[in-house]
Amino acid sequence: MVDTIRNFLMAFIPLFVAFDCIGIIPIFITFTEGLEDEKRRRVTKRAIITAGAIGVA
């Protein structure tokens, strides 16, 4: 159950980043603290790309 909730929230991190870049930092760190460095980088890149696309749109 915890994994399901965590995966659900991880899917929405890029959207959270797009709305409040500074305010989301503690939440992002909390959700990604258990991830390997490579996975954390992938989540970060995806969040940046999504935020950039939303910002341009």
C-alpha atoms as a PDB file:
ATOM      1  CA  MET A   1       0.000   0.000   0.000  1.00  0.00           C
ATOM      2  CA  VAL A   2       2.794   2.393   0.894  1.00  0.00           C
ATOM      3  CA  ASP A   3       4.528   1.643  -2.414  1.00  0.00           C
ATOM      4  CA  THR A   4       1.347   2.384  -4.334  1.00  0.00           C
ATOM      5  CA  ILE A   5       0.928   5.740  -2.634  1.00  0.00           C
ATOM      6  CA  ARG A   6       4.594   6.569  -3.120  1.00  0.00           C
ATOM      7  CA  ASN A   7       4.430   5.682  -6.839  1.00  0.00           C
ATOM      8  CA  PHE A   8       1.281   7.766  -7.249  1.00  0.00           C
ATOM      9  CA  LEU A   9       2.939  10.774  -5.655  1.00  0.00           C
ATOM     10  CA  MET A  10       6.139  10.281  -7.665  1.00  0.00           C
ATOM     11  CA  ALA A  11       4.080  10.551 -10.842  1.00  0.00           C
ATOM     12  CA  PHE A  12       2.934  14.028  -9.835  1.00  0.00           C
ATOM     13  CA  ILE A  13       6.269  15.491  -8.711  1.00  0.00           C
ATOM     14  CA  PRO A  14       6.854  17.122 -12.131  1.00  0.00           C
ATOM     15  CA  LEU A  15       3.526  18.930 -11.857  1.00  0.00           C
ATOM     16  CA  PHE A  16       4.276  20.089  -8.326  1.00  0.00           C
ATOM     17  CA  VAL A  17       7.626  21.448  -9.508  1.00  0.00           C
ATOM     18  CA  ALA A  18       5.919  23.377 -12.277  1.00  0.00           C
ATOM     19  CA  PHE A  19       3.616  25.117  -9.814  1.00  0.00           C
ATOM     20  CA  ASP A  20       5.950  25.942  -6.910  1.00  0.00           C
ATOM     21  CA  CYS A  21       9.645  25.398  -7.585  1.00  0.00           C
ATOM     22  CA  ILE A  22      11.050  26.533  -4.232  1.00  0.00           C
ATOM     23  CA  GLY A  23       8.250  25.228  -2.035  1.00  0.00           C
ATOM     24  CA  ILE A  24       8.447  21.720  -3.464  1.00  0.00           C
ATOM     25  CA  ILE A  25      12.125  21.124  -2.614  1.00  0.00           C
ATOM     26  CA  PRO A  26      11.481  19.566   0.834  1.00  0.00           C
ATOM     27  CA  ILE A  27       8.748  17.346  -0.602  1.00  0.00           C
ATOM     28  CA  PHE A  28      10.950  16.293  -3.516  1.00  0.00           C
ATOM     29  CA  ILE A  29      13.782  15.377  -1.148  1.00  0.00           C
ATOM     30  CA  THR A  30      11.413  13.374   1.043  1.00  0.00           C
ATOM     31  CA  PHE A  31       9.942  11.398  -1.864  1.00  0.00           C
ATOM     32  CA  THR A  32      13.289  10.682  -3.495  1.00  0.00           C
ATOM     33  CA  GLU A  33      15.463  10.006  -0.456  1.00  0.00           C
ATOM     34  CA  GLY A  34      15.200   6.223  -0.813  1.00  0.00           C
ATOM     35  CA  LEU A  35      15.995   6.191  -4.525  1.00  0.00           C
ATOM     36  CA  GLU A  36      19.313   5.326  -6.084  1.00  0.00           C
ATOM     37  CA  ASP A  37      21.237   8.256  -7.558  1.00  0.00           C
ATOM     38  CA  GLU A  38      20.422   7.262 -11.146  1.00  0.00           C
ATOM     39  CA  LYS A  39      16.687   7.051 -10.443  1.00  0.00           C
ATOM     40  CA  ARG A  40      16.785  10.370  -8.590  1.00  0.00           C
ATOM     41  CA  ARG A  41      18.476  11.979 -11.602  1.00  0.00           C
ATOM     42  CA  ARG A  42      15.799  10.564 -13.923  1.00  0.00           C
ATOM     43  CA  VAL A  43      13.021  11.944 -11.722  1.00  0.00           C
ATOM     44  CA  THR A  44      14.793  15.306 -11.579  1.00  0.00           C
ATOM     45  CA  LYS A  45      15.233  15.458 -15.363  1.00  0.00           C
ATOM     46  CA  ARG A  46      11.604  14.488 -15.939  1.00  0.00           C
ATOM     47  CA  ALA A  47      10.450  17.160 -13.487  1.00  0.00           C
ATOM     48  CA  ILE A  48      12.586  19.834 -15.156  1.00  0.00           C
ATOM     49  CA  ILE A  49      11.396  18.898 -18.641  1.00  0.00           C
ATOM     50  CA  THR A  50       7.756  18.861 -17.539  1.00  0.00           C
ATOM     51  CA  ALA A  51       8.078  22.188 -15.730  1.00  0.00           C
ATOM     52  CA  GLY A  52       9.781  23.713 -18.760  1.00  0.00           C
ATOM     53  CA  ALA A  53       7.105  22.433 -21.126  1.00  0.00           C
ATOM     54  CA  ILE A  54       4.337  23.764 -18.912  1.00  0.00           C
ATOM     55  CA  GLY A  55       6.148  27.080 -18.572  1.00  0.00           C
ATOM     56  CA  VAL A  56       6.449  27.448 -22.338  1.00  0.00           C
ATOM     57  CA  ALA A  57       2.855  26.403 -23.012  1.00  0.00           C
END
